[in-house]
Amino acid sequence: MATKPILRGAGVIMFGMVAVSGIRTLSSITYRHNNNEMVVALTLALGLMPIMVPQLFEGFPSMMQMFLHSGITIGTVIAILANLTLNKASSTLMEETDPSSANMSPYAPIRAIKRWLLLRKTEKNQEN
């Protein structure tokens, strides 16, 4: 019976570490010239709905309630959809005003990800 307090304490520390990691990630995001502020605000607000208003999804079918009961599920789906919708709309608008993006290759997103990963690796090496 003495193991329950130990497991609960370890669980609290684990969830605290996850929260710190999330805060660190959010602090490294650029919020200027994009809609990342709105993405984070929507994700946090709608992800907290099951906690703030637990009876909100009682009228939904039981299969949907299973997914909507978790703020993590709602937050994840909202974050993905909001990022795709809001930041895609702003990047499309920027592409329309940027004449150099007219000849964009279909492999441009892959190159952008590779550049981003290389930049992150370089930043980590500079920190050490």
Protein backbone atom coordinates (compact mmCIF):
# COMPACT_ATOMS: atom_id res chain seq x y z
CA MET A 1 0.00 0.00 0.00
CA ALA A 2 2.96 2.33 0.39
CA THR A 3 3.60 2.32 -3.35
CA LYS A 4 0.52 4.42 -4.24
CA PRO A 5 1.91 7.70 -2.84
CA ILE A 6 5.21 7.04 -4.59
CA LEU A 7 3.50 6.39 -7.93
CA ARG A 8 1.32 9.47 -7.51
CA GLY A 9 4.37 11.59 -6.72
CA ALA A 10 6.18 10.21 -9.77
CA GLY A 11 3.08 10.93 -11.87
CA VAL A 12 2.94 14.54 -10.66
CA ILE A 13 6.63 15.01 -11.51
CA MET A 14 6.16 13.39 -14.92
CA PHE A 15 3.21 15.63 -15.81
CA GLY A 16 5.12 18.64 -14.51
CA MET A 17 8.00 17.79 -16.85
CA VAL A 18 5.57 17.51 -19.76
CA ALA A 19 4.14 20.93 -18.87
CA VAL A 20 7.63 22.48 -18.67
CA SER A 21 8.52 20.96 -22.03
CA GLY A 22 5.34 22.43 -23.54
CA ILE A 23 6.06 25.86 -22.08
CA ARG A 24 9.61 25.72 -23.44
CA THR A 25 8.26 24.82 -26.88
CA LEU A 26 5.70 27.63 -26.78
CA SER A 27 8.38 30.12 -25.76
CA SER A 28 10.52 29.26 -28.78
CA ILE A 29 7.73 29.89 -31.30
CA THR A 30 7.74 33.04 -33.39
CA TYR A 31 4.47 34.91 -32.92
CA ARG A 32 5.12 37.81 -35.32
CA HIS A 33 3.85 37.89 -38.90
CA ASN A 34 1.78 34.71 -38.53
CA ASN A 35 -1.29 33.44 -36.72
CA ASN A 36 0.49 31.33 -34.10
CA GLU A 37 -1.01 33.40 -31.27
CA MET A 38 -4.51 32.50 -32.42
CA VAL A 39 -3.55 28.82 -32.87
CA VAL A 40 -2.23 28.62 -29.30
CA ALA A 41 -5.22 30.54 -27.89
CA LEU A 42 -7.76 28.31 -29.66
CA THR A 43 -5.92 25.16 -28.65
CA LEU A 44 -5.70 26.10 -24.97
CA ALA A 45 -9.26 27.43 -24.75
CA LEU A 46 -10.94 24.51 -26.50
CA GLY A 47 -8.62 21.93 -24.93
CA LEU A 48 -9.74 23.09 -21.47
CA MET A 49 -13.46 22.79 -22.31
CA PRO A 50 -13.90 19.23 -20.92
CA ILE A 51 -12.41 20.38 -17.61
CA MET A 52 -14.21 23.72 -17.38
CA VAL A 53 -17.63 22.50 -18.58
CA PRO A 54 -17.72 18.69 -18.06
CA GLN A 55 -21.41 18.34 -18.99
CA LEU A 56 -20.88 20.06 -22.36
CA PHE A 57 -20.69 16.85 -24.39
CA GLU A 58 -23.40 14.83 -22.59
CA GLY A 59 -25.80 15.11 -25.56
CA PHE A 60 -23.30 13.66 -28.02
CA PRO A 61 -23.26 9.96 -29.01
CA SER A 62 -21.18 7.75 -26.71
CA MET A 63 -18.54 7.13 -29.38
CA MET A 64 -17.94 10.89 -29.79
CA GLN A 65 -18.01 11.41 -26.01
CA MET A 66 -15.11 8.99 -25.70
CA PHE A 67 -12.93 11.32 -27.81
CA LEU A 68 -14.42 14.63 -26.67
CA HIS A 69 -13.97 13.73 -23.00
CA SER A 70 -10.21 14.28 -23.34
CA GLY A 71 -8.88 17.81 -23.59
CA ILE A 72 -5.72 16.40 -25.13
CA THR A 73 -7.67 14.96 -28.06
CA ILE A 74 -9.63 18.16 -28.62
CA GLY A 75 -6.51 20.32 -28.23
CA THR A 76 -4.51 18.21 -30.67
CA VAL A 77 -7.20 18.22 -33.36
CA ILE A 78 -7.83 21.96 -32.92
CA ALA A 79 -4.08 22.74 -33.02
CA ILE A 80 -3.63 20.84 -36.27
CA LEU A 81 -6.73 22.28 -37.93
CA ALA A 82 -6.09 25.83 -36.73
CA ASN A 83 -2.46 25.72 -37.82
CA LEU A 84 -3.36 24.36 -41.24
CA THR A 85 -6.22 26.81 -41.67
CA LEU A 86 -4.82 30.01 -40.19
CA ASN A 87 -1.15 29.74 -41.10
CA LYS A 88 -1.85 28.24 -44.52
CA ALA A 89 -4.13 31.18 -45.25
CA SER A 90 -1.47 33.69 -44.22
CA SER A 91 1.28 31.87 -46.16
CA THR A 92 -0.96 31.72 -49.24
CA LEU A 93 -1.56 35.44 -48.92
CA MET A 94 2.19 36.05 -48.63
CA GLU A 95 2.83 33.84 -51.69
CA GLU A 96 0.32 35.85 -53.71
CA THR A 97 2.18 39.05 -52.90
CA ASP A 98 5.64 37.51 -53.37
CA PRO A 99 6.53 37.19 -57.06
CA SER A 100 9.50 34.90 -56.33
CA SER A 101 7.15 32.11 -55.15
CA ALA A 102 5.51 31.70 -58.56
CA ASN A 103 7.93 28.95 -59.63
CA MET A 104 7.67 26.95 -56.41
CA SER A 105 8.76 23.32 -56.72
CA PRO A 106 6.57 20.53 -55.32
CA TYR A 107 9.58 19.57 -53.20
CA ALA A 108 9.82 23.02 -51.60
CA PRO A 109 8.11 21.93 -48.33
CA ILE A 110 10.55 19.04 -47.95
CA ARG A 111 13.50 21.37 -48.54
CA ALA A 112 12.07 23.82 -46.00
CA ILE A 113 11.80 21.07 -43.37
CA LYS A 114 15.36 19.96 -44.08
CA ARG A 115 16.59 23.55 -43.73
CA TRP A 116 14.66 23.94 -40.47
CA LEU A 117 16.15 20.71 -39.06
CA LEU A 118 19.65 21.80 -40.09
CA LEU A 119 19.09 25.20 -38.47
CA ARG A 120 17.92 23.55 -35.22
CA LYS A 121 20.97 21.27 -35.23
CA THR A 122 23.28 24.25 -35.79
CA GLU A 123 21.61 26.19 -32.95
CA LYS A 124 22.02 23.25 -30.56
CA ASN A 125 25.67 22.89 -31.50
CA GLN A 126 26.24 26.60 -30.88
CA GLU A 127 24.61 26.33 -27.44
CA ASN A 128 26.97 23.52 -26.43
